[in-house]
């Protein structure tokens, strides 16, 4: 078995510009430019994980109220662990 570690080359300018956007602007950017590669549900929250311009973003929805709760960009230390990317 081979383990793949993800270490993106981060575009800090894009990261900081994205972090400063409103929730609505972040949602639009993710919709048009983000690459969704995972989603999971936990405690009535659905989280979509995106890759965007060298960094990762979590988009969190409240399943009960059916509203967008938050969009969080990560430079590093995101929830996805390297062991989640095991290939044969």
PDB file of N, CA and C in Angstrom:
ATOM      1  N   UNK A   1       0.829  -1.177   0.000  1.00  0.00           N
ATOM      2  CA  UNK A   1       0.000   0.000   0.000  1.00  0.00           C
ATOM      3  C   UNK A   1       0.875   1.243   0.000  1.00  0.00           C
ATOM      4  N   UNK A   2       0.411   2.246  -0.701  1.00  0.00           N
ATOM      5  CA  UNK A   2       1.145   3.495  -0.807  1.00  0.00           C
ATOM      6  C   UNK A   2       0.295   4.624  -0.231  1.00  0.00           C
ATOM      7  N   UNK A   3       0.899   5.486   0.576  1.00  0.00           N
ATOM      8  CA  UNK A   3       0.191   6.620   1.160  1.00  0.00           C
ATOM      9  C   UNK A   3       0.633   7.891   0.467  1.00  0.00           C
ATOM     10  N   UNK A   4      -0.327   8.716   0.110  1.00  0.00           N
ATOM     11  CA  UNK A   4      -0.053   9.984  -0.550  1.00  0.00           C
ATOM     12  C   UNK A   4      -0.279  11.117   0.432  1.00  0.00           C
ATOM     13  N   UNK A   5       0.715  11.976   0.603  1.00  0.00           N
ATOM     14  CA  UNK A   5       0.578  13.147   1.445  1.00  0.00           C
ATOM     15  C   UNK A   5       0.323  14.349   0.554  1.00  0.00           C
ATOM     16  N   UNK A   6      -0.703  15.105   0.877  1.00  0.00           N
ATOM     17  CA  UNK A   6      -1.044  16.279   0.075  1.00  0.00           C
ATOM     18  C   UNK A   6      -0.378  17.499   0.701  1.00  0.00           C
ATOM     19  N   UNK A   7       0.493  18.143  -0.049  1.00  0.00           N
ATOM     20  CA  UNK A   7       1.163  19.365   0.392  1.00  0.00           C
ATOM     21  C   UNK A   7       1.069  20.385  -0.734  1.00  0.00           C
ATOM     22  N   UNK A   8      -0.035  21.108  -0.809  1.00  0.00           N
ATOM     23  CA  UNK A   8      -0.192  22.042  -1.919  1.00  0.00           C
ATOM     24  C   UNK A   8       0.754  23.226  -1.807  1.00  0.00           C
ATOM     25  N   UNK A   9       1.107  23.780  -2.948  1.00  0.00           N
ATOM     26  CA  UNK A   9       1.837  25.036  -2.976  1.00  0.00           C
ATOM     27  C   UNK A   9       0.770  26.115  -2.891  1.00  0.00           C
ATOM     28  N   UNK A  10       0.731  26.791  -1.765  1.00  0.00           N
ATOM     29  CA  UNK A  10      -0.366  27.717  -1.512  1.00  0.00           C
ATOM     30  C   UNK A  10      -0.121  29.075  -2.177  1.00  0.00           C
ATOM     31  N   UNK A  11      -1.168  29.610  -2.744  1.00  0.00           N
ATOM     32  CA  UNK A  11      -1.154  30.953  -3.300  1.00  0.00           C
ATOM     33  C   UNK A  11      -1.690  31.867  -2.204  1.00  0.00           C
ATOM     34  N   UNK A  12      -0.770  32.468  -1.413  1.00  0.00           N
ATOM     35  CA  UNK A  12      -1.183  33.262  -0.251  1.00  0.00           C
ATOM     36  C   UNK A  12      -2.049  34.455  -0.619  1.00  0.00           C
ATOM     37  N   UNK A  13      -1.774  35.072  -1.746  1.00  0.00           N
ATOM     38  CA  UNK A  13      -2.580  36.211  -2.178  1.00  0.00           C
ATOM     39  C   UNK A  13      -4.030  35.784  -2.384  1.00  0.00           C
ATOM     40  N   UNK A  14      -4.224  34.669  -3.086  1.00  0.00           N
ATOM     41  CA  UNK A  14      -5.580  34.152  -3.304  1.00  0.00           C
ATOM     42  C   UNK A  14      -6.236  33.758  -1.991  1.00  0.00           C
ATOM     43  N   UNK A  15      -5.449  33.123  -1.116  1.00  0.00           N
ATOM     44  CA  UNK A  15      -5.977  32.685   0.179  1.00  0.00           C
ATOM     45  C   UNK A  15      -6.507  33.879   0.985  1.00  0.00           C
ATOM     46  N   UNK A  16      -5.687  34.921   1.119  1.00  0.00           N
ATOM     47  CA  UNK A  16      -6.094  36.075   1.922  1.00  0.00           C
ATOM     48  C   UNK A  16      -7.238  36.852   1.265  1.00  0.00           C
ATOM     49  N   UNK A  17      -7.218  36.962  -0.039  1.00  0.00           N
ATOM     50  CA  UNK A  17      -8.338  37.622  -0.733  1.00  0.00           C
ATOM     51  C   UNK A  17      -9.629  36.847  -0.517  1.00  0.00           C
ATOM     52  N   UNK A  18      -9.561  35.522  -0.601  1.00  0.00           N
ATOM     53  CA  UNK A  18     -10.737  34.682  -0.386  1.00  0.00           C
ATOM     54  C   UNK A  18     -11.239  34.828   1.049  1.00  0.00           C
ATOM     55  N   UNK A  19     -10.320  34.812   2.004  1.00  0.00           N
ATOM     56  CA  UNK A  19     -10.700  34.902   3.425  1.00  0.00           C
ATOM     57  C   UNK A  19     -11.423  36.210   3.737  1.00  0.00           C
ATOM     58  N   UNK A  20     -11.110  37.284   3.016  1.00  0.00           N
ATOM     59  CA  UNK A  20     -11.726  38.598   3.257  1.00  0.00           C
ATOM     60  C   UNK A  20     -13.111  38.742   2.620  1.00  0.00           C
ATOM     61  N   UNK A  21     -13.468  37.836   1.716  1.00  0.00           N
ATOM     62  CA  UNK A  21     -14.756  37.945   1.006  1.00  0.00           C
ATOM     63  C   UNK A  21     -15.935  37.700   1.942  1.00  0.00           C
ATOM     64  N   UNK A  22     -17.090  38.186   1.528  1.00  0.00           N
ATOM     65  CA  UNK A  22     -18.327  37.889   2.259  1.00  0.00           C
ATOM     66  C   UNK A  22     -18.699  36.430   2.015  1.00  0.00           C
ATOM     67  N   UNK A  23     -19.591  35.926   2.821  1.00  0.00           N
ATOM     68  CA  UNK A  23     -20.034  34.537   2.683  1.00  0.00           C
ATOM     69  C   UNK A  23     -20.635  34.288   1.295  1.00  0.00           C
ATOM     70  N   UNK A  24     -21.413  35.234   0.806  1.00  0.00           N
ATOM     71  CA  UNK A  24     -22.036  35.103  -0.513  1.00  0.00           C
ATOM     72  C   UNK A  24     -20.986  35.075  -1.620  1.00  0.00           C
ATOM     73  N   UNK A  25     -19.968  35.939  -1.525  1.00  0.00           N
ATOM     74  CA  UNK A  25     -18.898  35.957  -2.523  1.00  0.00           C
ATOM     75  C   UNK A  25     -18.108  34.649  -2.502  1.00  0.00           C
ATOM     76  N   UNK A  26     -17.805  34.150  -1.302  1.00  0.00           N
ATOM     77  CA  UNK A  26     -17.077  32.874  -1.177  1.00  0.00           C
ATOM     78  C   UNK A  26     -17.866  31.751  -1.832  1.00  0.00           C
ATOM     79  N   UNK A  27     -19.171  31.738  -1.593  1.00  0.00           N
ATOM     80  CA  UNK A  27     -20.033  30.702  -2.157  1.00  0.00           C
ATOM     81  C   UNK A  27     -19.993  30.728  -3.688  1.00  0.00           C
ATOM     82  N   UNK A  28     -20.033  31.919  -4.271  1.00  0.00           N
ATOM     83  CA  UNK A  28     -19.973  32.062  -5.735  1.00  0.00           C
ATOM     84  C   UNK A  28     -18.639  31.596  -6.298  1.00  0.00           C
ATOM     85  N   UNK A  29     -17.544  31.967  -5.647  1.00  0.00           N
ATOM     86  CA  UNK A  29     -16.217  31.550  -6.113  1.00  0.00           C
ATOM     87  C   UNK A  29     -16.100  30.028  -6.071  1.00  0.00           C
ATOM     88  N   UNK A  30     -16.551  29.411  -4.972  1.00  0.00           N
ATOM     89  CA  UNK A  30     -16.486  27.950  -4.877  1.00  0.00           C
ATOM     90  C   UNK A  30     -17.323  27.286  -5.961  1.00  0.00           C
ATOM     91  N   UNK A  31     -18.486  27.843  -6.214  1.00  0.00           N
ATOM     92  CA  UNK A  31     -19.394  27.287  -7.219  1.00  0.00           C
ATOM     93  C   UNK A  31     -18.755  27.287  -8.609  1.00  0.00           C
ATOM     94  N   UNK A  32     -17.993  28.332  -8.929  1.00  0.00           N
ATOM     95  CA  UNK A  32     -17.440  28.474 -10.276  1.00  0.00           C
ATOM     96  C   UNK A  32     -16.002  27.996 -10.426  1.00  0.00           C
ATOM     97  N   UNK A  33     -15.216  28.044  -9.347  1.00  0.00           N
ATOM     98  CA  UNK A  33     -13.788  27.735  -9.482  1.00  0.00           C
ATOM     99  C   UNK A  33     -13.284  26.626  -8.570  1.00  0.00           C
ATOM    100  N   UNK A  34     -14.062  26.250  -7.567  1.00  0.00           N
ATOM    101  CA  UNK A  34     -13.614  25.237  -6.616  1.00  0.00           C
ATOM    102  C   UNK A  34     -13.778  23.826  -7.161  1.00  0.00           C
ATOM    103  N   UNK A  35     -12.916  22.940  -6.697  1.00  0.00           N
ATOM    104  CA  UNK A  35     -13.001  21.520  -7.045  1.00  0.00           C
ATOM    105  C   UNK A  35     -13.432  20.776  -5.786  1.00  0.00           C
ATOM    106  N   UNK A  36     -14.670  20.296  -5.789  1.00  0.00           N
ATOM    107  CA  UNK A  36     -15.189  19.568  -4.632  1.00  0.00           C
ATOM    108  C   UNK A  36     -14.664  18.135  -4.690  1.00  0.00           C
ATOM    109  N   UNK A  37     -13.994  17.702  -3.616  1.00  0.00           N
ATOM    110  CA  UNK A  37     -13.459  16.348  -3.638  1.00  0.00           C
ATOM    111  C   UNK A  37     -13.905  15.494  -2.468  1.00  0.00           C
ATOM    112  N   UNK A  38     -14.690  16.050  -1.549  1.00  0.00           N
ATOM    113  CA  UNK A  38     -15.183  15.224  -0.452  1.00  0.00           C
ATOM    114  C   UNK A  38     -16.368  15.921   0.206  1.00  0.00           C
ATOM    115  N   UNK A  39     -17.210  15.139   0.850  1.00  0.00           N
ATOM    116  CA  UNK A  39     -18.264  15.694   1.686  1.00  0.00           C
ATOM    117  C   UNK A  39     -18.582  14.676   2.771  1.00  0.00           C
ATOM    118  N   UNK A  40     -18.971  15.169   3.914  1.00  0.00           N
ATOM    119  CA  UNK A  40     -19.336  14.285   5.017  1.00  0.00           C
ATOM    120  C   UNK A  40     -20.355  14.980   5.893  1.00  0.00           C
ATOM    121  N   UNK A  41     -21.120  14.192   6.646  1.00  0.00           N
ATOM    122  CA  UNK A  41     -22.145  14.719   7.543  1.00  0.00           C
ATOM    123  C   UNK A  41     -21.773  14.376   8.979  1.00  0.00           C
ATOM    124  N   UNK A  42     -22.011  15.345   9.866  1.00  0.00           N
ATOM    125  CA  UNK A  42     -21.676  15.169  11.267  1.00  0.00           C
ATOM    126  C   UNK A  42     -22.542  16.118  12.082  1.00  0.00           C
ATOM    127  N   UNK A  43     -23.278  15.590  13.057  1.00  0.00           N
ATOM    128  CA  UNK A  43     -24.114  16.410  13.949  1.00  0.00           C
ATOM    129  C   UNK A  43     -25.041  17.365  13.195  1.00  0.00           C
ATOM    130  N   UNK A  44     -25.800  16.847  12.259  1.00  0.00           N
ATOM    131  CA  UNK A  44     -26.749  17.628  11.457  1.00  0.00           C
ATOM    132  C   UNK A  44     -26.093  18.690  10.578  1.00  0.00           C
ATOM    133  N   UNK A  45     -24.784  18.603  10.389  1.00  0.00           N
ATOM    134  CA  UNK A  45     -24.073  19.518   9.507  1.00  0.00           C
ATOM    135  C   UNK A  45     -23.474  18.739   8.349  1.00  0.00           C
ATOM    136  N   UNK A  46     -23.616  19.278   7.150  1.00  0.00           N
ATOM    137  CA  UNK A  46     -22.994  18.685   5.970  1.00  0.00           C
ATOM    138  C   UNK A  46     -21.812  19.568   5.593  1.00  0.00           C
ATOM    139  N   UNK A  47     -20.646  18.962   5.425  1.00  0.00           N
ATOM    140  CA  UNK A  47     -19.440  19.702   5.077  1.00  0.00           C
ATOM    141  C   UNK A  47     -18.933  19.241   3.724  1.00  0.00           C
ATOM    142  N   UNK A  48     -18.797  20.186   2.800  1.00  0.00           N
ATOM    143  CA  UNK A  48     -18.186  19.929   1.501  1.00  0.00           C
ATOM    144  C   UNK A  48     -16.760  20.453   1.558  1.00  0.00           C
ATOM    145  N   UNK A  49     -15.807  19.659   1.076  1.00  0.00           N
ATOM    146  CA  UNK A  49     -14.408  20.056   1.083  1.00  0.00           C
ATOM    147  C   UNK A  49     -13.975  20.344  -0.349  1.00  0.00           C
ATOM    148  N   UNK A  50     -13.406  21.522  -0.559  1.00  0.00           N
ATOM    149  CA  UNK A  50     -12.987  21.986  -1.882  1.00  0.00           C
ATOM    150  C   UNK A  50     -11.488  22.249  -1.919  1.00  0.00           C
ATOM    151  N   UNK A  51     -10.939  22.164  -3.124  1.00  0.00           N
ATOM    152  CA  UNK A  51      -9.581  22.624  -3.399  1.00  0.00           C
ATOM    153  C   UNK A  51      -9.728  23.855  -4.287  1.00  0.00           C
ATOM    154  N   UNK A  52      -9.018  24.940  -3.931  1.00  0.00           N
ATOM    155  CA  UNK A  52      -9.144  26.194  -4.669  1.00  0.00           C
ATOM    156  C   UNK A  52      -7.820  26.946  -4.628  1.00  0.00           C
ATOM    157  N   UNK A  53      -7.192  27.134  -5.766  1.00  0.00           N
ATOM    158  CA  UNK A  53      -5.970  27.951  -5.883  1.00  0.00           C
ATOM    159  C   UNK A  53      -4.876  27.612  -4.879  1.00  0.00           C
ATOM    160  N   UNK A  54      -4.655  26.333  -4.617  1.00  0.00           N
ATOM    161  CA  UNK A  54      -3.568  25.920  -3.736  1.00  0.00           C
ATOM    162  C   UNK A  54      -3.924  25.833  -2.270  1.00  0.00           C
ATOM    163  N   UNK A  55      -5.186  25.972  -1.899  1.00  0.00           N
ATOM    164  CA  UNK A  55      -5.594  25.800  -0.507  1.00  0.00           C
ATOM    165  C   UNK A  55      -6.929  25.064  -0.467  1.00  0.00           C
ATOM    166  N   UNK A  56      -7.340  24.684   0.728  1.00  0.00           N
ATOM    167  CA  UNK A  56      -8.565  23.916   0.921  1.00  0.00           C
ATOM    168  C   UNK A  56      -9.622  24.772   1.602  1.00  0.00           C
ATOM    169  N   UNK A  57     -10.870  24.446   1.327  1.00  0.00           N
ATOM    170  CA  UNK A  57     -11.997  25.215   1.866  1.00  0.00           C
ATOM    171  C   UNK A  57     -13.069  24.229   2.323  1.00  0.00           C
ATOM    172  N   UNK A  58     -13.619  24.478   3.509  1.00  0.00           N
ATOM    173  CA  UNK A  58     -14.765  23.712   3.986  1.00  0.00           C
ATOM    174  C   UNK A  58     -16.001  24.602   3.904  1.00  0.00           C
ATOM    175  N   UNK A  59     -17.037  24.067   3.295  1.00  0.00           N
ATOM    176  CA  UNK A  59     -18.329  24.744   3.179  1.00  0.00           C
ATOM    177  C   UNK A  59     -19.305  23.966   4.065  1.00  0.00           C
ATOM    178  N   UNK A  60     -19.853  24.615   5.084  1.00  0.00           N
ATOM    179  CA  UNK A  60     -20.653  23.924   6.096  1.00  0.00           C
ATOM    180  C   UNK A  60     -22.119  24.352   6.013  1.00  0.00           C
ATOM    181  N   UNK A  61     -22.994  23.355   5.825  1.00  0.00           N
ATOM    182  CA  UNK A  61     -24.447  23.582   5.750  1.00  0.00           C
ATOM    183  C   UNK A  61     -25.128  22.989   6.966  1.00  0.00           C
ATOM    184  N   UNK A  62     -26.147  23.680   7.454  1.00  0.00           N
ATOM    185  CA  UNK A  62     -27.007  23.149   8.506  1.00  0.00           C
ATOM    186  C   UNK A  62     -28.111  22.368   7.811  1.00  0.00           C
ATOM    187  N   UNK A  63     -28.133  21.045   7.999  1.00  0.00           N
ATOM    188  CA  UNK A  63     -29.123  20.193   7.333  1.00  0.00           C
ATOM    189  C   UNK A  63     -30.536  20.417   7.847  1.00  0.00           C
ATOM    190  N   UNK A  64     -30.684  20.824   9.087  1.00  0.00           N
ATOM    191  CA  UNK A  64     -32.015  21.008   9.652  1.00  0.00           C
ATOM    192  C   UNK A  64     -32.626  22.331   9.181  1.00  0.00           C
ATOM    193  N   UNK A  65     -31.863  23.413   9.261  1.00  0.00           N
ATOM    194  CA  UNK A  65     -32.361  24.728   8.841  1.00  0.00           C
ATOM    195  C   UNK A  65     -32.202  24.953   7.341  1.00  0.00           C
ATOM    196  N   UNK A  66     -31.433  24.070   6.686  1.00  0.00           N
ATOM    197  CA  UNK A  66     -31.162  24.155   5.249  1.00  0.00           C
ATOM    198  C   UNK A  66     -30.549  25.507   4.850  1.00  0.00           C
ATOM    199  N   UNK A  67     -29.540  25.926   5.631  1.00  0.00           N
ATOM    200  CA  UNK A  67     -28.841  27.181   5.328  1.00  0.00           C
ATOM    201  C   UNK A  67     -27.330  26.972   5.375  1.00  0.00           C
ATOM    202  N   UNK A  68     -26.618  27.820   4.676  1.00  0.00           N
ATOM    203  CA  UNK A  68     -25.161  27.814   4.700  1.00  0.00           C
ATOM    204  C   UNK A  68     -24.698  28.423   6.019  1.00  0.00           C
ATOM    205  N   UNK A  69     -23.924  27.679   6.795  1.00  0.00           N
ATOM    206  CA  UNK A  69     -23.438  28.154   8.092  1.00  0.00           C
ATOM    207  C   UNK A  69     -22.150  28.959   7.965  1.00  0.00           C
ATOM    208  N   UNK A  70     -21.175  28.400   7.218  1.00  0.00           N
ATOM    209  CA  UNK A  70     -19.869  29.043   7.149  1.00  0.00           C
ATOM    210  C   UNK A  70     -19.063  28.470   5.992  1.00  0.00           C
ATOM    211  N   UNK A  71     -18.067  29.230   5.556  1.00  0.00           N
ATOM    212  CA  UNK A  71     -17.091  28.772   4.566  1.00  0.00           C
ATOM    213  C   UNK A  71     -15.726  29.114   5.144  1.00  0.00           C
ATOM    214  N   UNK A  72     -14.911  28.093   5.367  1.00  0.00           N
ATOM    215  CA  UNK A  72     -13.645  28.260   6.069  1.00  0.00           C
ATOM    216  C   UNK A  72     -12.475  27.834   5.187  1.00  0.00           C
ATOM    217  N   UNK A  73     -11.569  28.764   4.828  1.00  0.00           N
ATOM    218  CA  UNK A  73     -10.372  28.384   4.076  1.00  0.00           C
ATOM    219  C   UNK A  73      -9.283  27.896   5.036  1.00  0.00           C
ATOM    220  N   UNK A  74      -8.444  26.948   4.574  1.00  0.00           N
ATOM    221  CA  UNK A  74      -7.354  26.410   5.371  1.00  0.00           C
ATOM    222  C   UNK A  74      -6.041  26.500   4.613  1.00  0.00           C
ATOM    223  N   UNK A  75      -5.027  27.081   5.252  1.00  0.00           N
ATOM    224  CA  UNK A  75      -3.685  27.069   4.665  1.00  0.00           C
ATOM    225  C   UNK A  75      -3.059  25.700   4.912  1.00  0.00           C
ATOM    226  N   UNK A  76      -3.264  25.171   6.098  1.00  0.00           N
ATOM    227  CA  UNK A  76      -2.780  23.849   6.489  1.00  0.00           C
ATOM    228  C   UNK A  76      -3.574  23.435   7.713  1.00  0.00           C
ATOM    229  N   UNK A  77      -3.423  22.209   8.136  1.00  0.00           N
ATOM    230  CA  UNK A  77      -4.132  21.756   9.320  1.00  0.00           C
ATOM    231  C   UNK A  77      -5.599  21.497   9.087  1.00  0.00           C
ATOM    232  N   UNK A  78      -5.986  21.244   7.833  1.00  0.00           N
ATOM    233  CA  UNK A  78      -7.377  20.956   7.529  1.00  0.00           C
ATOM    234  C   UNK A  78      -7.759  19.598   8.093  1.00  0.00           C
ATOM    235  N   UNK A  79      -9.034  19.309   8.172  1.00  0.00           N
ATOM    236  CA  UNK A  79      -9.507  18.087   8.815  1.00  0.00           C
ATOM    237  C   UNK A  79      -9.135  16.807   8.081  1.00  0.00           C
ATOM    238  N   UNK A  80      -8.981  16.868   6.763  1.00  0.00           N
ATOM    239  CA  UNK A  80      -8.649  15.665   6.008  1.00  0.00           C
ATOM    240  C   UNK A  80      -7.238  15.230   6.387  1.00  0.00           C
ATOM    241  N   UNK A  81      -7.106  14.012   6.831  1.00  0.00           N
ATOM    242  CA  UNK A  81      -5.817  13.489   7.259  1.00  0.00           C
ATOM    243  C   UNK A  81      -5.152  12.716   6.122  1.00  0.00           C
ATOM    244  N   UNK A  82      -3.811  12.679   6.082  1.00  0.00           N
ATOM    245  CA  UNK A  82      -3.119  11.971   4.999  1.00  0.00           C
ATOM    246  C   UNK A  82      -3.558  10.512   4.860  1.00  0.00           C
ATOM    247  N   UNK A  83      -3.923   9.847   5.961  1.00  0.00           N
ATOM    248  CA  UNK A  83      -4.329   8.441   5.874  1.00  0.00           C
ATOM    249  C   UNK A  83      -5.657   8.278   5.127  1.00  0.00           C
ATOM    250  N   UNK A  84      -6.374   9.385   4.890  1.00  0.00           N
ATOM    251  CA  UNK A  84      -7.605   9.328   4.109  1.00  0.00           C
ATOM    252  C   UNK A  84      -7.317   9.134   2.629  1.00  0.00           C
ATOM    253  N   UNK A  85      -6.065   9.300   2.221  1.00  0.00           N
ATOM    254  CA  UNK A  85      -5.673   9.206   0.813  1.00  0.00           C
ATOM    255  C   UNK A  85      -4.746   8.021   0.598  1.00  0.00           C
ATOM    256  N   UNK A  86      -5.230   6.833   0.858  1.00  0.00           N
ATOM    257  CA  UNK A  86      -4.438   5.619   0.685  1.00  0.00           C
ATOM    258  C   UNK A  86      -4.834   4.972  -0.647  1.00  0.00           C
ATOM    259  N   UNK A  87      -3.831   4.717  -1.456  1.00  0.00           N
ATOM    260  CA  UNK A  87      -4.062   4.112  -2.765  1.00  0.00           C
ATOM    261  C   UNK A  87      -3.371   2.755  -2.830  1.00  0.00           C
ATOM    262  N   UNK A  88      -3.954   1.830  -3.559  1.00  0.00           N
ATOM    263  CA  UNK A  88      -3.322   0.506  -3.746  1.00  0.00           C
ATOM    264  C   UNK A  88      -2.366   0.542  -4.905  1.00  0.00           C
TER     265      UNK A  88
END
